[in-house]
Amino acid sequence: MKYMLLIYHDEKALNDDERQACYAESLQLAQEIHARGQYLGANPLQPTSMATSVRVREGKRLVTDGPFAETREQLGGYFLIEAKNLDEAIAVAERIPMARKGAVEVRPVIELPGLPVE
């Protein structure tokens, strides 16, 4: 089963050196789970100041700068993995560096038939 591990944290929690160390540790984790056949994808996201929100109401598009809602923790990145069950997905999630400073939300992915495949 596929799981999306959504990484939430305060964007201001890390300085540049800490962020680079987090990226290096995340790359190592990605290599390890790839070797076990669990890795499907992962990326950090640009800060919310780079975000654009799109809404459609009554057939009209509304585009605004920034995230949908103001929160203390923002979506900062993700891992997409293959895991046998929730326990195995949680075992990967707890190894994500930002789990120590923020939160990692573990969500099973619904696989819709008919979606394009690689």
PDB file of N, CA and C in Angstrom:
ATOM      1  N   MET A   1       0.832  -1.169   0.000  1.00  0.00           N
ATOM      2  CA  MET A   1       0.000   0.000   0.000  1.00  0.00           C
ATOM      3  C   MET A   1       0.885   1.243   0.000  1.00  0.00           C
ATOM      4  N   LYS A   2       0.428   2.283  -0.683  1.00  0.00           N
ATOM      5  CA  LYS A   2       1.173   3.537  -0.718  1.00  0.00           C
ATOM      6  C   LYS A   2       0.723   4.426   0.439  1.00  0.00           C
ATOM      7  N   TYR A   3       1.715   5.124   1.017  1.00  0.00           N
ATOM      8  CA  TYR A   3       1.454   6.083   2.077  1.00  0.00           C
ATOM      9  C   TYR A   3       2.143   7.399   1.747  1.00  0.00           C
ATOM     10  N   MET A   4       1.429   8.492   1.987  1.00  0.00           N
ATOM     11  CA  MET A   4       2.007   9.827   1.862  1.00  0.00           C
ATOM     12  C   MET A   4       2.359  10.280   3.267  1.00  0.00           C
ATOM     13  N   LEU A   5       3.614  10.639   3.449  1.00  0.00           N
ATOM     14  CA  LEU A   5       4.093  11.138   4.728  1.00  0.00           C
ATOM     15  C   LEU A   5       4.273  12.645   4.568  1.00  0.00           C
ATOM     16  N   LEU A   6       3.346  13.403   5.128  1.00  0.00           N
ATOM     17  CA  LEU A   6       3.316  14.853   4.968  1.00  0.00           C
ATOM     18  C   LEU A   6       4.053  15.499   6.134  1.00  0.00           C
ATOM     19  N   ILE A   7       5.033  16.304   5.833  1.00  0.00           N
ATOM     20  CA  ILE A   7       5.925  16.869   6.844  1.00  0.00           C
ATOM     21  C   ILE A   7       5.504  18.303   7.152  1.00  0.00           C
ATOM     22  N   TYR A   8       5.110  18.534   8.401  1.00  0.00           N
ATOM     23  CA  TYR A   8       4.675  19.855   8.850  1.00  0.00           C
ATOM     24  C   TYR A   8       5.669  20.400   9.863  1.00  0.00           C
ATOM     25  N   HIS A   9       6.001  21.679   9.726  1.00  0.00           N
ATOM     26  CA  HIS A   9       6.894  22.314  10.683  1.00  0.00           C
ATOM     27  C   HIS A   9       6.780  23.821  10.570  1.00  0.00           C
ATOM     28  N   ASP A  10       7.292  24.513  11.556  1.00  0.00           N
ATOM     29  CA  ASP A  10       7.373  25.963  11.529  1.00  0.00           C
ATOM     30  C   ASP A  10       8.513  26.325  10.586  1.00  0.00           C
ATOM     31  N   GLU A  11       8.211  27.053   9.529  1.00  0.00           N
ATOM     32  CA  GLU A  11       9.226  27.390   8.528  1.00  0.00           C
ATOM     33  C   GLU A  11      10.404  28.170   9.108  1.00  0.00           C
ATOM     34  N   LYS A  12      10.183  28.835  10.220  1.00  0.00           N
ATOM     35  CA  LYS A  12      11.244  29.642  10.818  1.00  0.00           C
ATOM     36  C   LYS A  12      12.021  28.870  11.886  1.00  0.00           C
ATOM     37  N   ALA A  13      11.743  27.581  12.042  1.00  0.00           N
ATOM     38  CA  ALA A  13      12.362  26.781  13.107  1.00  0.00           C
ATOM     39  C   ALA A  13      13.828  26.449  12.835  1.00  0.00           C
ATOM     40  N   LEU A  14      14.237  26.468  11.576  1.00  0.00           N
ATOM     41  CA  LEU A  14      15.608  26.080  11.223  1.00  0.00           C
ATOM     42  C   LEU A  14      16.366  27.240  10.592  1.00  0.00           C
ATOM     43  N   ASN A  15      17.641  27.354  10.944  1.00  0.00           N
ATOM     44  CA  ASN A  15      18.486  28.294  10.213  1.00  0.00           C
ATOM     45  C   ASN A  15      19.007  27.570   8.965  1.00  0.00           C
ATOM     46  N   ASP A  16      19.763  28.256   8.127  1.00  0.00           N
ATOM     47  CA  ASP A  16      20.225  27.659   6.865  1.00  0.00           C
ATOM     48  C   ASP A  16      21.087  26.414   7.077  1.00  0.00           C
ATOM     49  N   ASP A  17      21.982  26.449   8.051  1.00  0.00           N
ATOM     50  CA  ASP A  17      22.830  25.278   8.324  1.00  0.00           C
ATOM     51  C   ASP A  17      22.000  24.089   8.800  1.00  0.00           C
ATOM     52  N   GLU A  18      21.043  24.350   9.679  1.00  0.00           N
ATOM     53  CA  GLU A  18      20.170  23.272  10.173  1.00  0.00           C
ATOM     54  C   GLU A  18      19.321  22.693   9.038  1.00  0.00           C
ATOM     55  N   ARG A  19      18.857  23.569   8.147  1.00  0.00           N
ATOM     56  CA  ARG A  19      18.050  23.113   7.002  1.00  0.00           C
ATOM     57  C   ARG A  19      18.884  22.214   6.091  1.00  0.00           C
ATOM     58  N   GLN A  20      20.130  22.604   5.827  1.00  0.00           N
ATOM     59  CA  GLN A  20      21.002  21.787   4.978  1.00  0.00           C
ATOM     60  C   GLN A  20      21.290  20.429   5.630  1.00  0.00           C
ATOM     61  N   ALA A  21      21.485  20.424   6.949  1.00  0.00           N
ATOM     62  CA  ALA A  21      21.703  19.164   7.663  1.00  0.00           C
ATOM     63  C   ALA A  21      20.460  18.288   7.601  1.00  0.00           C
ATOM     64  N   CYS A  22      19.297  18.905   7.691  1.00  0.00           N
ATOM     65  CA  CYS A  22      18.030  18.162   7.575  1.00  0.00           C
ATOM     66  C   CYS A  22      17.895  17.547   6.181  1.00  0.00           C
ATOM     67  N   TYR A  23      18.237  18.318   5.151  1.00  0.00           N
ATOM     68  CA  TYR A  23      18.195  17.793   3.780  1.00  0.00           C
ATOM     69  C   TYR A  23      19.144  16.607   3.628  1.00  0.00           C
ATOM     70  N   ALA A  24      20.339  16.726   4.170  1.00  0.00           N
ATOM     71  CA  ALA A  24      21.324  15.633   4.062  1.00  0.00           C
ATOM     72  C   ALA A  24      20.807  14.376   4.764  1.00  0.00           C
ATOM     73  N   GLU A  25      20.233  14.546   5.942  1.00  0.00           N
ATOM     74  CA  GLU A  25      19.690  13.391   6.670  1.00  0.00           C
ATOM     75  C   GLU A  25      18.495  12.785   5.924  1.00  0.00           C
ATOM     76  N   SER A  26      17.677  13.639   5.328  1.00  0.00           N
ATOM     77  CA  SER A  26      16.532  13.154   4.553  1.00  0.00           C
ATOM     78  C   SER A  26      16.983  12.390   3.309  1.00  0.00           C
ATOM     79  N   LEU A  27      18.051  12.869   2.661  1.00  0.00           N
ATOM     80  CA  LEU A  27      18.593  12.159   1.500  1.00  0.00           C
ATOM     81  C   LEU A  27      19.091  10.772   1.894  1.00  0.00           C
ATOM     82  N   GLN A  28      19.747  10.691   3.046  1.00  0.00           N
ATOM     83  CA  GLN A  28      20.222   9.390   3.541  1.00  0.00           C
ATOM     84  C   GLN A  28      19.045   8.453   3.797  1.00  0.00           C
ATOM     85  N   LEU A  29      17.985   8.965   4.422  1.00  0.00           N
ATOM     86  CA  LEU A  29      16.791   8.158   4.669  1.00  0.00           C
ATOM     87  C   LEU A  29      16.190   7.692   3.342  1.00  0.00           C
ATOM     88  N   ALA A  30      16.112   8.586   2.362  1.00  0.00           N
ATOM     89  CA  ALA A  30      15.563   8.221   1.052  1.00  0.00           C
ATOM     90  C   ALA A  30      16.381   7.090   0.422  1.00  0.00           C
ATOM     91  N   GLN A  31      17.703   7.159   0.526  1.00  0.00           N
ATOM     92  CA  GLN A  31      18.561   6.099  -0.022  1.00  0.00           C
ATOM     93  C   GLN A  31      18.305   4.769   0.693  1.00  0.00           C
ATOM     94  N   GLU A  32      18.152   4.824   2.007  1.00  0.00           N
ATOM     95  CA  GLU A  32      17.919   3.600   2.779  1.00  0.00           C
ATOM     96  C   GLU A  32      16.574   2.957   2.441  1.00  0.00           C
ATOM     97  N   ILE A  33      15.511   3.770   2.356  1.00  0.00           N
ATOM     98  CA  ILE A  33      14.213   3.163   2.047  1.00  0.00           C
ATOM     99  C   ILE A  33      14.129   2.769   0.571  1.00  0.00           C
ATOM    100  N   HIS A  34      14.914   3.427  -0.292  1.00  0.00           N
ATOM    101  CA  HIS A  34      14.986   3.001  -1.691  1.00  0.00           C
ATOM    102  C   HIS A  34      15.608   1.606  -1.782  1.00  0.00           C
ATOM    103  N   ALA A  35      16.657   1.390  -1.007  1.00  0.00           N
ATOM    104  CA  ALA A  35      17.331   0.085  -1.009  1.00  0.00           C
ATOM    105  C   ALA A  35      16.387  -1.027  -0.544  1.00  0.00           C
ATOM    106  N   ARG A  36      15.392  -0.685   0.271  1.00  0.00           N
ATOM    107  CA  ARG A  36      14.409  -1.674   0.741  1.00  0.00           C
ATOM    108  C   ARG A  36      13.185  -1.749  -0.155  1.00  0.00           C
ATOM    109  N   GLY A  37      13.170  -0.967  -1.249  1.00  0.00           N
ATOM    110  CA  GLY A  37      12.052  -0.997  -2.185  1.00  0.00           C
ATOM    111  C   GLY A  37      10.833  -0.221  -1.728  1.00  0.00           C
ATOM    112  N   GLN A  38      10.988   0.662  -0.749  1.00  0.00           N
ATOM    113  CA  GLN A  38       9.855   1.411  -0.234  1.00  0.00           C
ATOM    114  C   GLN A  38       9.731   2.815  -0.825  1.00  0.00           C
ATOM    115  N   TYR A  39      10.800   3.355  -1.354  1.00  0.00           N
ATOM    116  CA  TYR A  39      10.827   4.740  -1.808  1.00  0.00           C
ATOM    117  C   TYR A  39      10.060   4.909  -3.119  1.00  0.00           C
ATOM    118  N   LEU A  40       9.129   5.881  -3.138  1.00  0.00           N
ATOM    119  CA  LEU A  40       8.423   6.227  -4.363  1.00  0.00           C
ATOM    120  C   LEU A  40       8.670   7.681  -4.771  1.00  0.00           C
ATOM    121  N   GLY A  41       8.998   8.531  -3.793  1.00  0.00           N
ATOM    122  CA  GLY A  41       9.274   9.927  -4.089  1.00  0.00           C
ATOM    123  C   GLY A  41       9.405  10.726  -2.811  1.00  0.00           C
ATOM    124  N   ALA A  42      10.058  11.883  -2.907  1.00  0.00           N
ATOM    125  CA  ALA A  42      10.200  12.787  -1.764  1.00  0.00           C
ATOM    126  C   ALA A  42      10.719  14.123  -2.264  1.00  0.00           C
ATOM    127  N   ASN A  43      10.250  15.197  -1.644  1.00  0.00           N
ATOM    128  CA  ASN A  43      10.754  16.530  -1.962  1.00  0.00           C
ATOM    129  C   ASN A  43      10.404  17.494  -0.839  1.00  0.00           C
ATOM    130  N   PRO A  44      11.323  18.417  -0.537  1.00  0.00           N
ATOM    131  CA  PRO A  44      10.934  19.546   0.303  1.00  0.00           C
ATOM    132  C   PRO A  44      10.169  20.541  -0.569  1.00  0.00           C
ATOM    133  N   LEU A  45       9.402  21.405   0.057  1.00  0.00           N
ATOM    134  CA  LEU A  45       8.650  22.423  -0.667  1.00  0.00           C
ATOM    135  C   LEU A  45       9.247  23.800  -0.392  1.00  0.00           C
ATOM    136  N   GLN A  46       9.091  24.698  -1.353  1.00  0.00           N
ATOM    137  CA  GLN A  46       9.471  26.090  -1.141  1.00  0.00           C
ATOM    138  C   GLN A  46       8.620  26.644   0.004  1.00  0.00           C
ATOM    139  N   PRO A  47       9.046  27.733   0.659  1.00  0.00           N
ATOM    140  CA  PRO A  47       8.262  28.292   1.762  1.00  0.00           C
ATOM    141  C   PRO A  47       6.887  28.783   1.300  1.00  0.00           C
ATOM    142  N   THR A  48       5.993  28.943   2.260  1.00  0.00           N
ATOM    143  CA  THR A  48       4.625  29.367   1.927  1.00  0.00           C
ATOM    144  C   THR A  48       4.595  30.733   1.262  1.00  0.00           C
ATOM    145  N   SER A  49       5.631  31.541   1.435  1.00  0.00           N
ATOM    146  CA  SER A  49       5.679  32.838   0.750  1.00  0.00           C
ATOM    147  C   SER A  49       5.726  32.658  -0.767  1.00  0.00           C
ATOM    148  N   MET A  50       6.094  31.462  -1.227  1.00  0.00           N
ATOM    149  CA  MET A  50       6.128  31.155  -2.658  1.00  0.00           C
ATOM    150  C   MET A  50       4.839  30.486  -3.140  1.00  0.00           C
ATOM    151  N   ALA A  51       3.916  30.220  -2.225  1.00  0.00           N
ATOM    152  CA  ALA A  51       2.697  29.482  -2.563  1.00  0.00           C
ATOM    153  C   ALA A  51       1.674  30.359  -3.276  1.00  0.00           C
ATOM    154  N   THR A  52       0.851  29.708  -4.069  1.00  0.00           N
ATOM    155  CA  THR A  52      -0.296  30.334  -4.713  1.00  0.00           C
ATOM    156  C   THR A  52      -1.484  29.417  -4.468  1.00  0.00           C
ATOM    157  N   SER A  53      -2.588  29.994  -4.037  1.00  0.00           N
ATOM    158  CA  SER A  53      -3.805  29.205  -3.799  1.00  0.00           C
ATOM    159  C   SER A  53      -4.806  29.494  -4.910  1.00  0.00           C
ATOM    160  N   VAL A  54      -5.455  28.437  -5.403  1.00  0.00           N
ATOM    161  CA  VAL A  54      -6.443  28.555  -6.469  1.00  0.00           C
ATOM    162  C   VAL A  54      -7.767  28.017  -5.947  1.00  0.00           C
ATOM    163  N   ARG A  55      -8.811  28.817  -6.100  1.00  0.00           N
ATOM    164  CA  ARG A  55     -10.157  28.388  -5.731  1.00  0.00           C
ATOM    165  C   ARG A  55     -11.072  28.674  -6.914  1.00  0.00           C
ATOM    166  N   VAL A  56     -12.080  27.852  -7.086  1.00  0.00           N
ATOM    167  CA  VAL A  56     -13.093  28.109  -8.098  1.00  0.00           C
ATOM    168  C   VAL A  56     -14.434  28.164  -7.377  1.00  0.00           C
ATOM    169  N   ARG A  57     -15.115  29.295  -7.498  1.00  0.00           N
ATOM    170  CA  ARG A  57     -16.414  29.493  -6.860  1.00  0.00           C
ATOM    171  C   ARG A  57     -17.380  30.005  -7.924  1.00  0.00           C
ATOM    172  N   GLU A  58     -18.486  29.309  -8.040  1.00  0.00           N
ATOM    173  CA  GLU A  58     -19.510  29.681  -9.024  1.00  0.00           C
ATOM    174  C   GLU A  58     -18.910  29.856 -10.417  1.00  0.00           C
ATOM    175  N   GLY A  59     -17.987  28.940 -10.765  1.00  0.00           N
ATOM    176  CA  GLY A  59     -17.374  28.935 -12.077  1.00  0.00           C
ATOM    177  C   GLY A  59     -16.293  29.973 -12.297  1.00  0.00           C
ATOM    178  N   LYS A  60     -15.961  30.745 -11.266  1.00  0.00           N
ATOM    179  CA  LYS A  60     -14.941  31.776 -11.411  1.00  0.00           C
ATOM    180  C   LYS A  60     -13.704  31.414 -10.612  1.00  0.00           C
ATOM    181  N   ARG A  61     -12.543  31.582 -11.239  1.00  0.00           N
ATOM    182  CA  ARG A  61     -11.260  31.283 -10.607  1.00  0.00           C
ATOM    183  C   ARG A  61     -10.803  32.469  -9.769  1.00  0.00           C
ATOM    184  N   LEU A  62     -10.342  32.157  -8.545  1.00  0.00           N
ATOM    185  CA  LEU A  62      -9.745  33.152  -7.663  1.00  0.00           C
ATOM    186  C   LEU A  62      -8.356  32.662  -7.307  1.00  0.00           C
ATOM    187  N   VAL A  63      -7.354  33.444  -7.654  1.00  0.00           N
ATOM    188  CA  VAL A  63      -5.957  33.095  -7.397  1.00  0.00           C
ATOM    189  C   VAL A  63      -5.414  34.098  -6.380  1.00  0.00           C
ATOM    190  N   THR A  64      -4.853  33.573  -5.275  1.00  0.00           N
ATOM    191  CA  THR A  64      -4.289  34.438  -4.244  1.00  0.00           C
ATOM    192  C   THR A  64      -2.888  33.961  -3.889  1.00  0.00           C
ATOM    193  N   ASP A  65      -2.071  34.892  -3.425  1.00  0.00           N
ATOM    194  CA  ASP A  65      -0.737  34.541  -2.946  1.00  0.00           C
ATOM    195  C   ASP A  65      -0.851  33.879  -1.587  1.00  0.00           C
ATOM    196  N   GLY A  66       0.053  32.961  -1.337  1.00  0.00           N
ATOM    197  CA  GLY A  66       0.152  32.357  -0.015  1.00  0.00           C
ATOM    198  C   GLY A  66      -0.676  31.098   0.150  1.00  0.00           C
ATOM    199  N   PRO A  67      -0.569  30.518   1.333  1.00  0.00           N
ATOM    200  CA  PRO A  67      -1.260  29.261   1.619  1.00  0.00           C
ATOM    201  C   PRO A  67      -2.749  29.488   1.865  1.00  0.00           C
ATOM    202  N   PHE A  68      -3.462  28.397   1.932  1.00  0.00           N
ATOM    203  CA  PHE A  68      -4.910  28.445   2.145  1.00  0.00           C
ATOM    204  C   PHE A  68      -5.261  29.023   3.505  1.00  0.00           C
ATOM    205  N   ALA A  69      -4.523  28.630   4.550  1.00  0.00           N
ATOM    206  CA  ALA A  69      -4.857  29.053   5.908  1.00  0.00           C
ATOM    207  C   ALA A  69      -3.593  29.407   6.684  1.00  0.00           C
ATOM    208  N   GLU A  70      -3.734  30.284   7.632  1.00  0.00           N
ATOM    209  CA  GLU A  70      -2.637  30.637   8.525  1.00  0.00           C
ATOM    210  C   GLU A  70      -2.564  29.605   9.643  1.00  0.00           C
ATOM    211  N   THR A  71      -1.413  28.989   9.827  1.00  0.00           N
ATOM    212  CA  THR A  71      -1.213  28.017  10.892  1.00  0.00           C
ATOM    213  C   THR A  71       0.195  28.174  11.447  1.00  0.00           C
ATOM    214  N   ARG A  72       0.434  27.585  12.609  1.00  0.00           N
ATOM    215  CA  ARG A  72       1.784  27.623  13.192  1.00  0.00           C
ATOM    216  C   ARG A  72       2.739  26.736  12.424  1.00  0.00           C
ATOM    217  N   GLU A  73       2.250  25.604  11.941  1.00  0.00           N
ATOM    218  CA  GLU A  73       3.093  24.676  11.181  1.00  0.00           C
ATOM    219  C   GLU A  73       2.587  24.612   9.748  1.00  0.00           C
ATOM    220  N   GLN A  74       3.537  24.618   8.809  1.00  0.00           N
ATOM    221  CA  GLN A  74       3.189  24.588   7.399  1.00  0.00           C
ATOM    222  C   GLN A  74       3.653  23.280   6.774  1.00  0.00           C
ATOM    223  N   LEU A  75       3.000  22.907   5.675  1.00  0.00           N
ATOM    224  CA  LEU A  75       3.431  21.736   4.918  1.00  0.00           C
ATOM    225  C   LEU A  75       4.771  22.071   4.287  1.00  0.00           C
ATOM    226  N   GLY A  76       5.806  21.314   4.666  1.00  0.00           N
ATOM    227  CA  GLY A  76       7.146  21.631   4.216  1.00  0.00           C
ATOM    228  C   GLY A  76       7.736  20.631   3.244  1.00  0.00           C
ATOM    229  N   GLY A  77       7.082  19.486   3.080  1.00  0.00           N
ATOM    230  CA  GLY A  77       7.597  18.476   2.170  1.00  0.00           C
ATOM    231  C   GLY A  77       6.860  17.171   2.363  1.00  0.00           C
ATOM    232  N   TYR A  78       7.339  16.149   1.658  1.00  0.00           N
ATOM    233  CA  TYR A  78       6.664  14.862   1.729  1.00  0.00           C
ATOM    234  C   TYR A  78       7.610  13.731   1.366  1.00  0.00           C
ATOM    235  N   PHE A  79       7.235  12.549   1.785  1.00  0.00           N
ATOM    236  CA  PHE A  79       7.787  11.296   1.286  1.00  0.00           C
ATOM    237  C   PHE A  79       6.588  10.497   0.797  1.00  0.00           C
ATOM    238  N   LEU A  80       6.692   9.867  -0.340  1.00  0.00           N
ATOM    239  CA  LEU A  80       5.698   8.918  -0.817  1.00  0.00           C
ATOM    240  C   LEU A  80       6.376   7.562  -0.779  1.00  0.00           C
ATOM    241  N   ILE A  81       5.791   6.637  -0.011  1.00  0.00           N
ATOM    242  CA  ILE A  81       6.436   5.342   0.199  1.00  0.00           C
ATOM    243  C   ILE A  81       5.479   4.196  -0.065  1.00  0.00           C
ATOM    244  N   GLU A  82       6.047   3.030  -0.195  1.00  0.00           N
ATOM    245  CA  GLU A  82       5.315   1.768  -0.249  1.00  0.00           C
ATOM    246  C   GLU A  82       5.571   1.086   1.085  1.00  0.00           C
ATOM    247  N   ALA A  83       4.511   0.662   1.762  1.00  0.00           N
ATOM    248  CA  ALA A  83       4.656  -0.018   3.049  1.00  0.00           C
ATOM    249  C   ALA A  83       3.609  -1.125   3.147  1.00  0.00           C
ATOM    250  N   LYS A  84       3.948  -2.184   3.880  1.00  0.00           N
ATOM    251  CA  LYS A  84       3.029  -3.314   4.044  1.00  0.00           C
ATOM    252  C   LYS A  84       1.793  -2.928   4.837  1.00  0.00           C
ATOM    253  N   ASN A  85       1.988  -1.999   5.816  1.00  0.00           N
ATOM    254  CA  ASN A  85       0.873  -1.620   6.679  1.00  0.00           C
ATOM    255  C   ASN A  85       1.201  -0.300   7.360  1.00  0.00           C
ATOM    256  N   LEU A  86       0.259   0.181   8.161  1.00  0.00           N
ATOM    257  CA  LEU A  86       0.442   1.460   8.841  1.00  0.00           C
ATOM    258  C   LEU A  86       1.646   1.441   9.776  1.00  0.00           C
ATOM    259  N   ASP A  87       1.862   0.351  10.479  1.00  0.00           N
ATOM    260  CA  ASP A  87       3.002   0.276  11.394  1.00  0.00           C
ATOM    261  C   ASP A  87       4.324   0.465  10.651  1.00  0.00           C
ATOM    262  N   GLU A  88       4.442  -0.142   9.486  1.00  0.00           N
ATOM    263  CA  GLU A  88       5.667   0.007   8.703  1.00  0.00           C
ATOM    264  C   GLU A  88       5.810   1.450   8.207  1.00  0.00           C
ATOM    265  N   ALA A  89       4.704   2.088   7.826  1.00  0.00           N
ATOM    266  CA  ALA A  89       4.743   3.484   7.385  1.00  0.00           C
ATOM    267  C   ALA A  89       5.138   4.402   8.539  1.00  0.00           C
ATOM    268  N   ILE A  90       4.626   4.137   9.731  1.00  0.00           N
ATOM    269  CA  ILE A  90       4.970   4.935  10.912  1.00  0.00           C
ATOM    270  C   ILE A  90       6.455   4.780  11.238  1.00  0.00           C
ATOM    271  N   ALA A  91       6.992   3.581  11.046  1.00  0.00           N
ATOM    272  CA  ALA A  91       8.416   3.351  11.312  1.00  0.00           C
ATOM    273  C   ALA A  91       9.287   4.209  10.397  1.00  0.00           C
ATOM    274  N   VAL A  92       8.855   4.441   9.168  1.00  0.00           N
ATOM    275  CA  VAL A  92       9.590   5.337   8.272  1.00  0.00           C
ATOM    276  C   VAL A  92       9.368   6.789   8.706  1.00  0.00           C
ATOM    277  N   ALA A  93       8.126   7.148   9.004  1.00  0.00           N
ATOM    278  CA  ALA A  93       7.784   8.526   9.369  1.00  0.00           C
ATOM    279  C   ALA A  93       8.589   9.012  10.572  1.00  0.00           C
ATOM    280  N   GLU A  94       8.797   8.139  11.545  1.00  0.00           N
ATOM    281  CA  GLU A  94       9.517   8.567  12.746  1.00  0.00           C
ATOM    282  C   GLU A  94      10.998   8.835  12.474  1.00  0.00           C
ATOM    283  N   ARG A  95      11.504   8.375  11.338  1.00  0.00           N
ATOM    284  CA  ARG A  95      12.905   8.601  10.975  1.00  0.00           C
ATOM    285  C   ARG A  95      13.109   9.887  10.180  1.00  0.00           C
ATOM    286  N   ILE A  96      12.025  10.526   9.767  1.00  0.00           N
ATOM    287  CA  ILE A  96      12.130  11.788   9.029  1.00  0.00           C
ATOM    288  C   ILE A  96      12.618  12.862  10.004  1.00  0.00           C
ATOM    289  N   PRO A  97      13.686  13.574   9.659  1.00  0.00           N
ATOM    290  CA  PRO A  97      14.287  14.510  10.601  1.00  0.00           C
ATOM    291  C   PRO A  97      13.315  15.522  11.209  1.00  0.00           C
ATOM    292  N   MET A  98      12.402  16.050  10.437  1.00  0.00           N
ATOM    293  CA  MET A  98      11.506  17.082  10.950  1.00  0.00           C
ATOM    294  C   MET A  98      10.454  16.527  11.908  1.00  0.00           C
ATOM    295  N   ALA A  99      10.362  15.207  12.045  1.00  0.00           N
ATOM    296  CA  ALA A  99       9.463  14.638  13.054  1.00  0.00           C
ATOM    297  C   ALA A  99       9.923  15.057  14.450  1.00  0.00           C
ATOM    298  N   ARG A 100      11.198  15.396  14.588  1.00  0.00           N
ATOM    299  CA  ARG A 100      11.745  15.814  15.887  1.00  0.00           C
ATOM    300  C   ARG A 100      11.402  17.263  16.228  1.00  0.00           C
ATOM    301  N   LYS A 101      11.022  18.062  15.244  1.00  0.00           N
ATOM    302  CA  LYS A 101      10.723  19.477  15.484  1.00  0.00           C
ATOM    303  C   LYS A 101       9.287  19.842  15.127  1.00  0.00           C
ATOM    304  N   GLY A 102       8.676  19.068  14.252  1.00  0.00           N
ATOM    305  CA  GLY A 102       7.314  19.343  13.799  1.00  0.00           C
ATOM    306  C   GLY A 102       6.467  18.090  13.915  1.00  0.00           C
ATOM    307  N   ALA A 103       5.793  17.749  12.839  1.00  0.00           N
ATOM    308  CA  ALA A 103       4.938  16.560  12.819  1.00  0.00           C
ATOM    309  C   ALA A 103       4.970  15.947  11.429  1.00  0.00           C
ATOM    310  N   VAL A 104       4.793  14.638  11.373  1.00  0.00           N
ATOM    311  CA  VAL A 104       4.661  13.936  10.103  1.00  0.00           C
ATOM    312  C   VAL A 104       3.303  13.246  10.111  1.00  0.00           C
ATOM    313  N   GLU A 105       2.458  13.651   9.183  1.00  0.00           N
ATOM    314  CA  GLU A 105       1.133  13.050   9.044  1.00  0.00           C
ATOM    315  C   GLU A 105       1.243  11.874   8.078  1.00  0.00           C
ATOM    316  N   VAL A 106       0.759  10.717   8.496  1.00  0.00           N
ATOM    317  CA  VAL A 106       0.816   9.498   7.684  1.00  0.00           C
ATOM    318  C   VAL A 106      -0.580   9.260   7.109  1.00  0.00           C
ATOM    319  N   ARG A 107      -0.669   9.258   5.776  1.00  0.00           N
ATOM    320  CA  ARG A 107      -1.967   9.096   5.129  1.00  0.00           C
ATOM    321  C   ARG A 107      -1.889   8.008   4.067  1.00  0.00           C
ATOM    322  N   PRO A 108      -2.777   7.004   4.145  1.00  0.00           N
ATOM    323  CA  PRO A 108      -2.848   6.022   3.068  1.00  0.00           C
ATOM    324  C   PRO A 108      -3.307   6.713   1.776  1.00  0.00           C
ATOM    325  N   VAL A 109      -2.780   6.266   0.661  1.00  0.00           N
ATOM    326  CA  VAL A 109      -3.117   6.823  -0.643  1.00  0.00           C
ATOM    327  C   VAL A 109      -4.202   5.965  -1.279  1.00  0.00           C
ATOM    328  N   ILE A 110      -5.216   6.609  -1.818  1.00  0.00           N
ATOM    329  CA  ILE A 110      -6.249   5.898  -2.590  1.00  0.00           C
ATOM    330  C   ILE A 110      -5.737   5.804  -4.019  1.00  0.00           C
ATOM    331  N   GLU A 111      -5.617   4.601  -4.509  1.00  0.00           N
ATOM    332  CA  GLU A 111      -5.134   4.404  -5.876  1.00  0.00           C
ATOM    333  C   GLU A 111      -6.340   4.244  -6.807  1.00  0.00           C
ATOM    334  N   LEU A 112      -6.574   5.275  -7.612  1.00  0.00           N
ATOM    335  CA  LEU A 112      -7.694   5.254  -8.526  1.00  0.00           C
ATOM    336  C   LEU A 112      -7.338   4.562  -9.824  1.00  0.00           C
ATOM    337  N   PRO A 113      -8.133   3.596 -10.247  1.00  0.00           N
ATOM    338  CA  PRO A 113      -7.881   2.969 -11.540  1.00  0.00           C
ATOM    339  C   PRO A 113      -8.022   4.006 -12.665  1.00  0.00           C
ATOM    340  N   GLY A 114      -7.172   3.897 -13.656  1.00  0.00           N
ATOM    341  CA  GLY A 114      -7.260   4.804 -14.794  1.00  0.00           C
ATOM    342  C   GLY A 114      -6.322   5.985 -14.717  1.00  0.00           C
ATOM    343  N   LEU A 115      -5.652   6.190 -13.561  1.00  0.00           N
ATOM    344  CA  LEU A 115      -4.668   7.274 -13.499  1.00  0.00           C
ATOM    345  C   LEU A 115      -3.436   6.897 -14.316  1.00  0.00           C
ATOM    346  N   PRO A 116      -2.760   7.881 -14.911  1.00  0.00           N
ATOM    347  CA  PRO A 116      -1.554   7.565 -15.672  1.00  0.00           C
ATOM    348  C   PRO A 116      -0.496   6.933 -14.772  1.00  0.00           C
ATOM    349  N   VAL A 117       0.290   6.036 -15.335  1.00  0.00           N
ATOM    350  CA  VAL A 117       1.391   5.422 -14.619  1.00  0.00           C
ATOM    351  C   VAL A 117       2.681   5.785 -15.326  1.00  0.00           C
ATOM    352  N   GLU A 118       3.794   5.650 -14.620  1.00  0.00           N
ATOM    353  CA  GLU A 118       5.087   6.012 -15.212  1.00  0.00           C
ATOM    354  C   GLU A 118       5.414   5.177 -16.411  1.00  0.00           C
TER     355      GLU A 118
END
